[in-house]
Amino acid sequence: MAVAVVVVALTLTGCGVRPTGVVDAGEAAGGLTKGLRIYFVSETGRLEGVTRTTPIREPAAVIKLLMSGPTEAEQRSGLTSLVDSGSFEVTGDGDRLSVRVPAATLDPTSVGDRNLTGQLVCSLARARAVLDKRGRTRPDDVRVSVHPAEGAALGPYVCSDFLK
């Protein structure tokens, strides 16, 4: 009889865990994904990275990927590329890269020019990190300077400067 009373009591009280309200755990988990990512501009004016499986041998190869633009599905989701034409020259090694944009005059206060610069910086930095066979280079270890046709060089920048 005593055992039956204990079983009934435990059944009625449940496991002892009381319900709680919604608990804010902060932002979703983040971190580096593996592989090449290039960056396009969303409808809201933010940079968004997308994965590409195209093998590359040098960071400059991402310029062609940016010029080819987002896929049809990415376009439907509102992504576009501001790097659409022109002659770009990427130089440097290790964690320092420079990109010459001879056909453009960039205004760092212009949202469009800032997004174009961000596309270049983030895509080049990610490519450099992917090309590090030792796996020790993170995109924000790579500093990219942008040299427009006229005016002083911009940067050096790291990708996180544009993802805020």
N, C-alpha and C. Protein backbone atom coordinates (compact mmCIF):
# COMPACT_ATOMS: atom_id res chain seq x y z
N MET A 1 0.82 -1.18 0.00
CA MET A 1 0.00 0.00 0.00
C MET A 1 0.87 1.26 0.00
N ALA A 2 1.92 1.27 0.80
CA ALA A 2 2.81 2.43 0.89
C ALA A 2 3.49 2.68 -0.45
N VAL A 3 3.85 1.60 -1.16
CA VAL A 3 4.49 1.75 -2.47
C VAL A 3 3.51 2.38 -3.45
N ALA A 4 2.26 1.97 -3.41
CA ALA A 4 1.24 2.52 -4.30
C ALA A 4 1.05 4.00 -4.06
N VAL A 5 1.09 4.42 -2.80
CA VAL A 5 0.92 5.84 -2.47
C VAL A 5 2.10 6.64 -3.04
N VAL A 6 3.34 6.13 -2.93
CA VAL A 6 4.52 6.82 -3.45
C VAL A 6 4.45 6.92 -4.97
N VAL A 7 4.06 5.85 -5.64
CA VAL A 7 3.94 5.86 -7.10
C VAL A 7 2.91 6.89 -7.54
N VAL A 8 1.76 6.92 -6.87
CA VAL A 8 0.71 7.89 -7.21
C VAL A 8 1.22 9.30 -6.96
N ALA A 9 1.91 9.53 -5.86
CA ALA A 9 2.42 10.86 -5.53
C ALA A 9 3.44 11.32 -6.58
N LEU A 10 4.34 10.44 -6.99
CA LEU A 10 5.33 10.80 -8.00
C LEU A 10 4.68 11.07 -9.35
N THR A 11 3.69 10.31 -9.69
CA THR A 11 2.98 10.50 -10.96
C THR A 11 2.29 11.86 -10.98
N LEU A 12 1.70 12.25 -9.88
CA LEU A 12 0.99 13.52 -9.82
C LEU A 12 1.92 14.73 -9.82
N THR A 13 3.13 14.56 -9.28
CA THR A 13 4.05 15.70 -9.20
C THR A 13 4.93 15.82 -10.43
N GLY A 14 4.97 14.82 -11.30
CA GLY A 14 5.81 14.86 -12.49
C GLY A 14 7.26 14.67 -12.13
N CYS A 15 8.15 15.18 -12.92
CA CYS A 15 9.58 14.96 -12.69
C CYS A 15 10.19 16.03 -11.81
N GLY A 16 9.45 17.03 -11.43
CA GLY A 16 9.97 18.06 -10.56
C GLY A 16 10.49 19.28 -11.29
N VAL A 17 10.49 19.28 -12.62
CA VAL A 17 10.95 20.42 -13.38
C VAL A 17 9.76 21.31 -13.67
N ARG A 18 9.87 22.53 -13.22
CA ARG A 18 8.77 23.48 -13.41
C ARG A 18 8.93 24.21 -14.75
N PRO A 19 7.84 24.54 -15.40
CA PRO A 19 7.94 25.25 -16.68
C PRO A 19 8.52 26.65 -16.47
N THR A 20 9.24 27.13 -17.48
CA THR A 20 9.80 28.48 -17.45
C THR A 20 9.34 29.23 -18.68
N GLY A 21 9.56 30.52 -18.66
CA GLY A 21 9.26 31.34 -19.83
C GLY A 21 10.34 31.17 -20.86
N VAL A 22 10.29 31.99 -21.90
CA VAL A 22 11.30 31.95 -22.95
C VAL A 22 12.61 32.46 -22.38
N VAL A 23 13.68 31.73 -22.64
CA VAL A 23 15.00 32.11 -22.16
C VAL A 23 15.82 32.58 -23.35
N ASP A 24 16.29 33.82 -23.30
CA ASP A 24 17.11 34.36 -24.39
C ASP A 24 18.53 33.83 -24.23
N ALA A 25 19.00 33.10 -25.22
CA ALA A 25 20.34 32.50 -25.16
C ALA A 25 21.33 33.28 -26.01
N GLY A 26 20.96 34.44 -26.50
CA GLY A 26 21.88 35.24 -27.31
C GLY A 26 21.77 34.88 -28.78
N GLU A 27 22.81 35.26 -29.52
CA GLU A 27 22.82 35.02 -30.96
C GLU A 27 23.06 33.55 -31.27
N ALA A 28 22.67 33.17 -32.46
CA ALA A 28 22.90 31.80 -32.91
C ALA A 28 24.40 31.53 -32.99
N ALA A 29 24.75 30.28 -32.89
CA ALA A 29 26.16 29.90 -32.98
C ALA A 29 26.72 30.32 -34.32
N GLY A 30 27.91 30.81 -34.30
CA GLY A 30 28.55 31.24 -35.53
C GLY A 30 29.93 30.67 -35.62
N GLY A 31 30.62 31.03 -36.66
CA GLY A 31 31.98 30.56 -36.84
C GLY A 31 32.25 30.36 -38.31
N LEU A 32 33.47 30.01 -38.60
CA LEU A 32 33.86 29.83 -39.99
C LEU A 32 33.27 28.56 -40.56
N THR A 33 32.76 28.70 -41.75
CA THR A 33 32.38 27.52 -42.50
C THR A 33 33.57 27.16 -43.37
N LYS A 34 33.62 25.95 -43.80
CA LYS A 34 34.73 25.51 -44.65
C LYS A 34 34.44 25.88 -46.10
N GLY A 35 35.48 26.10 -46.84
CA GLY A 35 35.32 26.32 -48.27
C GLY A 35 35.24 27.78 -48.66
N LEU A 36 35.17 27.99 -49.94
CA LEU A 36 35.17 29.33 -50.51
C LEU A 36 33.79 29.98 -50.37
N ARG A 37 33.80 31.21 -49.92
CA ARG A 37 32.59 32.02 -49.88
C ARG A 37 32.91 33.35 -50.55
N ILE A 38 31.97 33.80 -51.36
CA ILE A 38 32.09 35.14 -51.92
C ILE A 38 30.90 35.93 -51.42
N TYR A 39 31.02 37.24 -51.50
CA TYR A 39 30.04 38.10 -50.85
C TYR A 39 29.29 38.94 -51.87
N PHE A 40 27.95 38.90 -51.73
CA PHE A 40 27.07 39.72 -52.54
C PHE A 40 26.30 40.67 -51.64
N VAL A 41 25.60 41.61 -52.25
CA VAL A 41 24.84 42.61 -51.50
C VAL A 41 23.37 42.22 -51.52
N SER A 42 22.74 42.24 -50.34
CA SER A 42 21.32 41.89 -50.23
C SER A 42 20.46 43.12 -50.52
N GLU A 43 19.16 42.90 -50.62
CA GLU A 43 18.22 44.00 -50.85
C GLU A 43 18.26 45.02 -49.73
N THR A 44 18.65 44.59 -48.54
CA THR A 44 18.71 45.50 -47.39
C THR A 44 20.04 46.23 -47.31
N GLY A 45 20.94 45.97 -48.26
CA GLY A 45 22.22 46.66 -48.29
C GLY A 45 23.29 46.03 -47.43
N ARG A 46 23.10 44.79 -47.03
CA ARG A 46 24.09 44.08 -46.22
C ARG A 46 24.84 43.07 -47.08
N LEU A 47 26.07 42.79 -46.69
CA LEU A 47 26.83 41.76 -47.39
C LEU A 47 26.41 40.39 -46.87
N GLU A 48 26.26 39.46 -47.81
CA GLU A 48 25.93 38.08 -47.46
C GLU A 48 26.87 37.16 -48.21
N GLY A 49 27.48 36.24 -47.48
CA GLY A 49 28.39 35.29 -48.09
C GLY A 49 27.64 34.09 -48.63
N VAL A 50 28.07 33.64 -49.79
CA VAL A 50 27.50 32.44 -50.39
C VAL A 50 28.64 31.49 -50.75
N THR A 51 28.36 30.22 -50.67
CA THR A 51 29.38 29.21 -50.92
C THR A 51 29.56 28.97 -52.42
N ARG A 52 30.80 28.81 -52.80
CA ARG A 52 31.14 28.43 -54.17
C ARG A 52 32.06 27.22 -54.09
N THR A 53 31.83 26.28 -55.00
CA THR A 53 32.66 25.07 -55.04
C THR A 53 33.74 25.16 -56.11
N THR A 54 33.79 26.27 -56.81
CA THR A 54 34.78 26.47 -57.86
C THR A 54 36.19 26.47 -57.26
N PRO A 55 37.06 25.60 -57.73
CA PRO A 55 38.43 25.62 -57.20
C PRO A 55 39.17 26.87 -57.69
N ILE A 56 39.95 27.46 -56.81
CA ILE A 56 40.74 28.64 -57.19
C ILE A 56 42.20 28.38 -56.82
N ARG A 57 43.10 29.07 -57.53
CA ARG A 57 44.54 28.92 -57.26
C ARG A 57 45.15 30.18 -56.67
N GLU A 58 44.39 31.28 -56.77
CA GLU A 58 44.88 32.56 -56.24
C GLU A 58 43.68 33.41 -55.83
N PRO A 59 43.88 34.32 -54.90
CA PRO A 59 42.76 35.15 -54.45
C PRO A 59 42.09 35.94 -55.57
N ALA A 60 42.87 36.37 -56.56
CA ALA A 60 42.31 37.18 -57.65
C ALA A 60 41.20 36.45 -58.41
N ALA A 61 41.17 35.14 -58.34
CA ALA A 61 40.14 34.37 -59.07
C ALA A 61 38.73 34.70 -58.58
N VAL A 62 38.59 35.18 -57.37
CA VAL A 62 37.24 35.49 -56.87
C VAL A 62 36.65 36.71 -57.57
N ILE A 63 37.49 37.55 -58.17
CA ILE A 63 36.98 38.72 -58.90
C ILE A 63 36.06 38.26 -60.03
N LYS A 64 36.48 37.24 -60.78
CA LYS A 64 35.65 36.71 -61.87
C LYS A 64 34.34 36.14 -61.33
N LEU A 65 34.42 35.48 -60.17
CA LEU A 65 33.19 34.94 -59.57
C LEU A 65 32.24 36.06 -59.17
N LEU A 66 32.79 37.15 -58.64
CA LEU A 66 31.95 38.30 -58.29
C LEU A 66 31.33 38.92 -59.53
N MET A 67 32.11 39.02 -60.60
CA MET A 67 31.60 39.59 -61.85
C MET A 67 30.52 38.72 -62.48
N SER A 68 30.61 37.42 -62.29
CA SER A 68 29.59 36.54 -62.86
C SER A 68 28.28 36.67 -62.09
N GLY A 69 28.33 37.23 -60.91
CA GLY A 69 27.13 37.53 -60.15
C GLY A 69 26.53 36.34 -59.43
N PRO A 70 25.46 36.60 -58.71
CA PRO A 70 24.78 35.53 -57.97
C PRO A 70 24.04 34.58 -58.92
N THR A 71 23.82 33.37 -58.45
CA THR A 71 23.03 32.40 -59.23
C THR A 71 21.60 32.90 -59.33
N GLU A 72 20.79 32.24 -60.17
CA GLU A 72 19.38 32.62 -60.30
C GLU A 72 18.66 32.53 -58.96
N ALA A 73 18.92 31.47 -58.21
CA ALA A 73 18.28 31.32 -56.90
C ALA A 73 18.71 32.43 -55.95
N GLU A 74 19.99 32.80 -55.99
CA GLU A 74 20.49 33.88 -55.13
C GLU A 74 19.89 35.22 -55.55
N GLN A 75 19.71 35.41 -56.84
CA GLN A 75 19.07 36.64 -57.32
C GLN A 75 17.62 36.71 -56.84
N ARG A 76 16.93 35.57 -56.89
CA ARG A 76 15.54 35.55 -56.41
C ARG A 76 15.45 35.87 -54.92
N SER A 77 16.51 35.54 -54.19
CA SER A 77 16.51 35.86 -52.75
C SER A 77 17.02 37.28 -52.49
N GLY A 78 17.26 38.04 -53.56
CA GLY A 78 17.58 39.46 -53.41
C GLY A 78 19.05 39.83 -53.44
N LEU A 79 19.91 38.91 -53.84
CA LEU A 79 21.34 39.22 -53.86
C LEU A 79 21.76 39.78 -55.22
N THR A 80 22.73 40.67 -55.18
CA THR A 80 23.27 41.27 -56.39
C THR A 80 24.76 41.53 -56.19
N SER A 81 25.47 41.74 -57.28
CA SER A 81 26.89 42.08 -57.21
C SER A 81 27.10 43.49 -57.73
N LEU A 82 27.89 44.25 -57.01
CA LEU A 82 28.26 45.59 -57.46
C LEU A 82 29.57 45.54 -58.24
N VAL A 83 30.23 44.39 -58.21
CA VAL A 83 31.45 44.16 -58.98
C VAL A 83 30.99 43.52 -60.29
N ASP A 84 30.71 44.37 -61.28
CA ASP A 84 30.11 43.81 -62.50
C ASP A 84 31.01 43.89 -63.72
N SER A 85 31.99 44.74 -63.71
CA SER A 85 32.89 44.83 -64.85
C SER A 85 34.13 45.59 -64.43
N GLY A 86 35.06 45.66 -65.33
CA GLY A 86 36.26 46.42 -65.05
C GLY A 86 37.48 45.53 -64.94
N SER A 87 38.58 46.19 -64.76
CA SER A 87 39.86 45.52 -64.68
C SER A 87 40.36 45.65 -63.24
N PHE A 88 40.58 44.53 -62.59
CA PHE A 88 41.04 44.51 -61.22
C PHE A 88 42.39 43.80 -61.17
N GLU A 89 43.29 44.34 -60.39
CA GLU A 89 44.60 43.70 -60.23
C GLU A 89 44.82 43.45 -58.74
N VAL A 90 45.03 42.20 -58.39
CA VAL A 90 45.26 41.83 -57.00
C VAL A 90 46.72 41.45 -56.83
N THR A 91 47.36 42.08 -55.84
CA THR A 91 48.75 41.77 -55.54
C THR A 91 48.89 41.54 -54.05
N GLY A 92 50.03 41.01 -53.67
CA GLY A 92 50.31 40.78 -52.26
C GLY A 92 50.39 39.30 -51.95
N ASP A 93 50.80 39.04 -50.73
CA ASP A 93 50.97 37.66 -50.32
C ASP A 93 50.74 37.60 -48.81
N GLY A 94 50.49 36.41 -48.34
CA GLY A 94 50.27 36.26 -46.91
C GLY A 94 49.02 36.98 -46.46
N ASP A 95 49.13 37.72 -45.38
CA ASP A 95 47.94 38.37 -44.82
C ASP A 95 47.76 39.81 -45.28
N ARG A 96 48.48 40.22 -46.31
CA ARG A 96 48.34 41.58 -46.87
C ARG A 96 48.08 41.49 -48.36
N LEU A 97 46.94 42.01 -48.78
CA LEU A 97 46.59 42.05 -50.20
C LEU A 97 46.23 43.47 -50.60
N SER A 98 46.44 43.78 -51.86
CA SER A 98 46.01 45.05 -52.43
C SER A 98 45.23 44.75 -53.69
N VAL A 99 44.17 45.51 -53.90
CA VAL A 99 43.40 45.37 -55.13
C VAL A 99 43.30 46.75 -55.78
N ARG A 100 43.68 46.79 -57.04
CA ARG A 100 43.56 48.03 -57.82
C ARG A 100 42.26 47.98 -58.61
N VAL A 101 41.53 49.07 -58.51
CA VAL A 101 40.26 49.21 -59.21
C VAL A 101 40.41 50.42 -60.13
N PRO A 102 41.11 50.25 -61.26
CA PRO A 102 41.46 51.40 -62.08
C PRO A 102 40.29 52.10 -62.75
N ALA A 103 39.17 51.43 -62.91
CA ALA A 103 38.04 52.06 -63.61
C ALA A 103 37.07 52.75 -62.65
N ALA A 104 37.38 52.78 -61.36
CA ALA A 104 36.41 53.32 -60.41
C ALA A 104 37.02 54.42 -59.55
N THR A 105 36.18 55.38 -59.23
CA THR A 105 36.50 56.36 -58.21
C THR A 105 35.59 56.02 -57.04
N LEU A 106 36.17 55.64 -55.92
CA LEU A 106 35.37 55.17 -54.79
C LEU A 106 35.24 56.24 -53.72
N ASP A 107 34.03 56.48 -53.29
CA ASP A 107 33.76 57.42 -52.20
C ASP A 107 33.44 56.59 -50.95
N PRO A 108 34.32 56.60 -49.94
CA PRO A 108 34.09 55.77 -48.76
C PRO A 108 32.83 56.13 -47.98
N THR A 109 32.23 57.28 -48.27
CA THR A 109 30.99 57.65 -47.57
C THR A 109 29.75 57.19 -48.32
N SER A 110 29.92 56.71 -49.54
CA SER A 110 28.80 56.21 -50.34
C SER A 110 28.50 54.77 -49.94
N VAL A 111 27.24 54.47 -49.67
CA VAL A 111 26.85 53.12 -49.27
C VAL A 111 27.17 52.12 -50.38
N GLY A 112 26.89 52.48 -51.62
CA GLY A 112 27.17 51.59 -52.75
C GLY A 112 28.66 51.30 -52.90
N ASP A 113 29.48 52.36 -52.80
CA ASP A 113 30.92 52.16 -52.92
C ASP A 113 31.46 51.37 -51.73
N ARG A 114 30.89 51.59 -50.56
CA ARG A 114 31.32 50.83 -49.38
C ARG A 114 30.96 49.35 -49.56
N ASN A 115 29.78 49.06 -50.09
CA ASN A 115 29.40 47.66 -50.32
C ASN A 115 30.27 47.01 -51.40
N LEU A 116 30.59 47.76 -52.45
CA LEU A 116 31.49 47.23 -53.47
C LEU A 116 32.85 46.91 -52.85
N THR A 117 33.36 47.83 -52.04
CA THR A 117 34.64 47.60 -51.36
C THR A 117 34.54 46.39 -50.44
N GLY A 118 33.44 46.27 -49.73
CA GLY A 118 33.23 45.13 -48.83
C GLY A 118 33.19 43.81 -49.59
N GLN A 119 32.53 43.81 -50.74
CA GLN A 119 32.51 42.59 -51.57
C GLN A 119 33.93 42.16 -51.91
N LEU A 120 34.74 43.11 -52.33
CA LEU A 120 36.13 42.80 -52.69
C LEU A 120 36.93 42.33 -51.48
N VAL A 121 36.86 43.09 -50.40
CA VAL A 121 37.66 42.78 -49.21
C VAL A 121 37.28 41.41 -48.65
N CYS A 122 36.00 41.18 -48.43
CA CYS A 122 35.58 39.91 -47.81
C CYS A 122 35.83 38.71 -48.71
N SER A 123 35.56 38.86 -49.99
CA SER A 123 35.78 37.74 -50.91
C SER A 123 37.26 37.41 -51.06
N LEU A 124 38.10 38.44 -51.17
CA LEU A 124 39.54 38.21 -51.27
C LEU A 124 40.11 37.62 -49.98
N ALA A 125 39.66 38.13 -48.85
CA ALA A 125 40.15 37.61 -47.57
C ALA A 125 39.76 36.15 -47.38
N ARG A 126 38.53 35.82 -47.74
CA ARG A 126 38.09 34.43 -47.60
C ARG A 126 38.87 33.52 -48.54
N ALA A 127 39.11 33.99 -49.77
CA ALA A 127 39.89 33.20 -50.72
C ALA A 127 41.30 32.97 -50.20
N ARG A 128 41.90 33.99 -49.64
CA ARG A 128 43.26 33.84 -49.10
C ARG A 128 43.27 32.83 -47.96
N ALA A 129 42.26 32.87 -47.10
CA ALA A 129 42.18 31.92 -45.99
C ALA A 129 42.00 30.49 -46.50
N VAL A 130 41.18 30.32 -47.53
CA VAL A 130 40.94 29.00 -48.10
C VAL A 130 42.22 28.45 -48.74
N LEU A 131 43.01 29.32 -49.33
CA LEU A 131 44.23 28.90 -50.01
C LEU A 131 45.38 28.57 -49.06
N ASP A 132 45.24 28.90 -47.79
CA ASP A 132 46.27 28.56 -46.80
C ASP A 132 46.17 27.08 -46.49
N LYS A 133 47.07 26.31 -47.06
CA LYS A 133 47.03 24.85 -46.90
C LYS A 133 47.24 24.41 -45.46
N ARG A 134 47.89 25.23 -44.66
CA ARG A 134 48.08 24.90 -43.24
C ARG A 134 46.82 25.14 -42.43
N GLY A 135 45.89 25.92 -42.97
CA GLY A 135 44.63 26.20 -42.28
C GLY A 135 44.77 27.15 -41.11
N ARG A 136 45.77 27.98 -41.12
CA ARG A 136 46.01 28.89 -40.00
C ARG A 136 45.51 30.31 -40.23
N THR A 137 45.20 30.63 -41.47
CA THR A 137 44.76 31.98 -41.80
C THR A 137 43.25 32.08 -41.70
N ARG A 138 42.79 33.02 -40.92
CA ARG A 138 41.36 33.32 -40.83
C ARG A 138 41.09 34.53 -41.70
N PRO A 139 39.88 34.67 -42.23
CA PRO A 139 39.61 35.83 -43.08
C PRO A 139 39.95 37.17 -42.42
N ASP A 140 39.71 37.31 -41.13
CA ASP A 140 40.02 38.59 -40.48
C ASP A 140 41.50 38.76 -40.16
N ASP A 141 42.33 37.76 -40.50
CA ASP A 141 43.78 37.93 -40.42
C ASP A 141 44.29 38.67 -41.67
N VAL A 142 43.49 38.65 -42.72
CA VAL A 142 43.89 39.21 -44.02
C VAL A 142 43.45 40.67 -44.09
N ARG A 143 44.41 41.53 -44.39
CA ARG A 143 44.14 42.96 -44.52
C ARG A 143 44.23 43.33 -46.00
N VAL A 144 43.18 43.99 -46.47
CA VAL A 144 43.08 44.32 -47.90
C VAL A 144 43.01 45.83 -48.07
N SER A 145 43.89 46.36 -48.90
CA SER A 145 43.86 47.78 -49.28
C SER A 145 43.25 47.88 -50.67
N VAL A 146 42.43 48.88 -50.87
CA VAL A 146 41.75 49.08 -52.16
C VAL A 146 42.27 50.39 -52.76
N HIS A 147 42.74 50.31 -54.00
CA HIS A 147 43.34 51.45 -54.68
C HIS A 147 42.44 51.85 -55.85
N PRO A 148 41.65 52.91 -55.70
CA PRO A 148 40.79 53.36 -56.80
C PRO A 148 41.59 54.10 -57.86
N ALA A 149 40.92 54.43 -58.97
CA ALA A 149 41.57 55.12 -60.09
C ALA A 149 42.12 56.47 -59.63
N GLU A 150 41.37 57.14 -58.78
CA GLU A 150 41.79 58.46 -58.30
C GLU A 150 41.68 58.49 -56.79
N GLY A 151 42.52 59.29 -56.19
CA GLY A 151 42.46 59.45 -54.75
C GLY A 151 43.34 58.45 -54.02
N ALA A 152 43.34 58.60 -52.73
CA ALA A 152 44.20 57.78 -51.87
C ALA A 152 43.65 56.36 -51.74
N ALA A 153 44.55 55.46 -51.39
CA ALA A 153 44.15 54.07 -51.14
C ALA A 153 43.21 54.03 -49.95
N LEU A 154 42.29 53.10 -49.98
CA LEU A 154 41.35 52.90 -48.88
C LEU A 154 41.79 51.67 -48.09
N GLY A 155 41.73 51.77 -46.79
CA GLY A 155 42.10 50.64 -45.94
C GLY A 155 43.49 50.81 -45.38
N PRO A 156 44.07 49.74 -44.92
CA PRO A 156 43.65 48.35 -45.10
C PRO A 156 42.44 48.01 -44.25
N TYR A 157 41.61 47.14 -44.82
CA TYR A 157 40.38 46.68 -44.17
C TYR A 157 40.48 45.19 -43.86
N VAL A 158 39.68 44.78 -42.90
CA VAL A 158 39.42 43.37 -42.66
C VAL A 158 37.93 43.15 -42.94
N CYS A 159 37.56 41.93 -43.22
CA CYS A 159 36.18 41.65 -43.61
C CYS A 159 35.16 42.10 -42.57
N SER A 160 35.47 41.90 -41.31
CA SER A 160 34.50 42.26 -40.27
C SER A 160 34.18 43.75 -40.25
N ASP A 161 35.01 44.59 -40.88
CA ASP A 161 34.70 46.00 -40.99
C ASP A 161 33.40 46.23 -41.77
N PHE A 162 33.03 45.27 -42.61
CA PHE A 162 31.87 45.42 -43.48
C PHE A 162 30.67 44.57 -43.06
N LEU A 163 30.83 43.73 -42.06
CA LEU A 163 29.75 42.82 -41.67
C LEU A 163 29.06 43.28 -40.39
N LYS A 164 29.24 44.51 -40.02
CA LYS A 164 28.64 45.03 -38.77
C LYS A 164 27.23 45.48 -39.00
